[in-house]
Amino acid sequence: MRANTLIMIVLAGVFGVLAVVLANIWLASQRNAMARTDDVPHDTVVVAAIPLKFGDTLTEDKL
């Protein structure tokens, strides 16, 4: 086997392992960022109880 071929195979292996390690670190940081929900504002969502038409006045019995 020629030296150039062997060097390319070793470099491909090193870059492959490096890509896997960096992807694992990035995924772990994303997982931690998604787990933190303390900073997320919470809003109340209101859903209509009956179908509404455009221009209908919203009252408590319709919500």
Protein backbone atom coordinates (compact mmCIF):
# COMPACT_ATOMS: atom_id res chain seq x y z
CA MET A 1 0.00 0.00 0.00
CA ARG A 2 1.34 3.40 -0.91
CA ALA A 3 2.10 5.98 1.77
CA ASN A 4 -0.35 8.53 0.34
CA THR A 5 -3.20 6.03 0.53
CA LEU A 6 -2.38 5.13 4.12
CA ILE A 7 -2.15 8.81 5.13
CA MET A 8 -5.55 9.55 3.55
CA ILE A 9 -7.18 6.58 5.33
CA VAL A 10 -5.75 7.70 8.69
CA LEU A 11 -6.83 11.31 8.10
CA ALA A 12 -10.33 10.19 7.12
CA GLY A 13 -10.57 8.15 10.32
CA VAL A 14 -9.34 11.04 12.48
CA PHE A 15 -11.76 13.50 10.89
CA GLY A 16 -14.60 10.98 11.21
CA VAL A 17 -13.97 10.47 14.92
CA LEU A 18 -13.61 14.23 15.42
CA ALA A 19 -16.95 14.83 13.67
CA VAL A 20 -18.70 12.26 15.87
CA VAL A 21 -17.25 13.74 19.08
CA LEU A 22 -18.15 17.32 18.13
CA ALA A 23 -21.67 16.29 17.09
CA ASN A 24 -22.12 14.50 20.41
CA ILE A 25 -21.00 17.59 22.35
CA TRP A 26 -23.32 19.82 20.32
CA LEU A 27 -26.29 17.49 20.80
CA ALA A 28 -25.66 17.36 24.55
CA SER A 29 -25.67 21.16 24.75
CA GLN A 30 -28.90 21.33 22.72
CA ARG A 31 -30.51 18.76 25.02
CA ASN A 32 -29.57 20.85 28.07
CA ALA A 33 -30.88 24.03 26.44
CA MET A 34 -34.24 22.41 25.69
CA ALA A 35 -34.50 21.00 29.22
CA ARG A 36 -34.28 24.49 30.74
CA THR A 37 -37.83 25.85 30.67
CA ASP A 38 -37.54 28.35 33.53
CA ASP A 39 -36.84 31.24 31.16
CA VAL A 40 -39.78 30.53 28.86
CA PRO A 41 -42.77 32.86 29.36
CA HIS A 42 -46.09 31.12 29.87
CA ASP A 43 -49.28 32.47 28.29
CA THR A 44 -52.90 31.47 28.66
CA VAL A 45 -54.46 29.99 25.54
CA VAL A 46 -58.21 30.38 25.04
CA VAL A 47 -60.08 27.99 22.74
CA ALA A 48 -63.55 28.59 21.32
CA ALA A 49 -66.25 26.20 22.57
CA ILE A 50 -68.38 26.69 19.45
CA PRO A 51 -67.56 27.64 15.86
CA LEU A 52 -67.20 31.40 15.48
CA LYS A 53 -67.88 33.57 12.47
CA PHE A 54 -65.83 36.57 11.48
CA GLY A 55 -66.89 39.57 13.54
CA ASP A 56 -68.58 37.61 16.36
CA THR A 57 -68.27 39.19 19.78
CA LEU A 58 -66.33 37.03 22.20
CA THR A 59 -68.27 36.28 25.36
CA GLU A 60 -67.66 33.77 28.15
CA ASP A 61 -70.27 31.32 26.86
CA LYS A 62 -68.46 31.06 23.50
CA LEU A 63 -65.07 30.37 25.05
